[in-house]
Amino acid sequence: MAKVEDDLKVQPHSPLDPPSQRSLPFVEVICEKSGKIRRFSIGTKVGFAVNLINKKFEAEGGLGIPSASHIEAVKEGY
């Protein structure tokens, strides 16, 4: 059990933090296929983000993961 706890990494700013603690200059994109979290600055075009994510998949050998096609936006509390 201790090993599992050691492998967990707590991010300093979780999407579940109150809004007063979430005033960060970036947007986190959680990839459901790979499980990776990528950060983009506010105002980044969605097409650019999808293209960059797909290029990283290709650079990592594809990992048997199909290309991303869209980003789903979620706003906490609504």
Protein backbone atom coordinates (compact mmCIF):
# COMPACT_ATOMS: atom_id res chain seq x y z
CA MET A 1 0.00 0.00 0.00
CA ALA A 2 2.84 2.43 0.76
CA LYS A 3 4.23 1.97 -2.75
CA VAL A 4 0.91 2.98 -4.31
CA GLU A 5 0.80 6.11 -2.17
CA ASP A 6 4.38 6.97 -3.17
CA ASP A 7 3.45 6.69 -6.86
CA LEU A 8 0.57 9.16 -6.55
CA LYS A 9 1.44 12.75 -7.32
CA VAL A 10 -0.77 15.54 -6.06
CA GLN A 11 -1.01 18.50 -8.37
CA PRO A 12 -0.79 21.82 -6.55
CA HIS A 13 -3.92 23.17 -8.30
CA SER A 14 -6.65 20.61 -8.83
CA PRO A 15 -9.72 21.38 -10.97
CA LEU A 16 -11.68 20.73 -7.77
CA ASP A 17 -10.03 23.64 -5.92
CA PRO A 18 -12.28 26.63 -5.14
CA PRO A 19 -12.29 29.32 -7.89
CA SER A 20 -10.17 31.65 -5.73
CA GLN A 21 -7.33 29.12 -5.93
CA ARG A 22 -7.77 28.36 -9.66
CA SER A 23 -6.82 31.71 -11.17
CA LEU A 24 -4.04 30.17 -13.23
CA PRO A 25 -2.89 31.47 -16.64
CA PHE A 26 -3.40 28.11 -18.36
CA VAL A 27 -5.99 25.49 -19.21
CA GLU A 28 -5.43 21.83 -18.38
CA VAL A 29 -6.43 19.28 -21.02
CA ILE A 30 -6.84 15.75 -19.70
CA CYS A 31 -6.44 13.20 -22.47
CA GLU A 32 -8.88 10.35 -21.87
CA LYS A 33 -6.98 8.03 -24.23
CA SER A 34 -3.49 8.37 -22.75
CA GLY A 35 -4.37 9.71 -19.30
CA LYS A 36 -1.84 12.54 -19.67
CA ILE A 37 -2.52 16.10 -18.60
CA ARG A 38 -1.29 18.84 -20.91
CA ARG A 39 -1.35 22.55 -20.17
CA PHE A 40 -2.03 25.27 -22.72
CA SER A 41 -2.04 29.02 -22.19
CA ILE A 42 -5.35 30.81 -22.10
CA GLY A 43 -6.36 31.73 -25.65
CA THR A 44 -4.71 28.74 -27.36
CA LYS A 45 -6.68 27.72 -30.45
CA VAL A 46 -8.34 24.30 -30.10
CA GLY A 47 -7.10 23.16 -33.52
CA PHE A 48 -3.51 23.91 -32.50
CA ALA A 49 -3.91 21.99 -29.22
CA VAL A 50 -5.39 18.91 -30.97
CA ASN A 51 -2.62 19.03 -33.60
CA LEU A 52 0.08 19.26 -30.91
CA ILE A 53 -1.43 16.38 -28.91
CA ASN A 54 -1.54 14.21 -32.04
CA LYS A 55 2.09 15.07 -32.92
CA LYS A 56 3.15 14.00 -29.42
CA PHE A 57 1.28 10.69 -29.88
CA GLU A 58 3.20 10.12 -33.13
CA ALA A 59 6.54 11.09 -31.52
CA GLU A 60 5.93 8.54 -28.75
CA GLY A 61 5.40 5.80 -31.32
CA GLY A 62 1.63 6.05 -31.39
CA LEU A 63 1.23 3.76 -28.36
CA GLY A 64 -1.67 2.13 -30.21
CA ILE A 65 -3.80 5.19 -29.48
CA PRO A 66 -5.93 6.66 -32.28
CA SER A 67 -5.50 10.37 -33.02
CA ALA A 68 -7.45 12.91 -30.98
CA SER A 69 -10.30 14.54 -32.88
CA HIS A 70 -11.69 17.13 -30.46
CA ILE A 71 -11.40 18.74 -27.04
CA GLU A 72 -14.43 18.72 -24.78
CA ALA A 73 -14.78 21.83 -22.63
CA VAL A 74 -15.98 21.48 -19.04
CA LYS A 75 -16.68 24.30 -16.61
CA GLU A 76 -16.84 23.25 -12.97
CA GLY A 77 -20.01 24.03 -11.04
CA TYR A 78 -22.40 24.38 -13.99
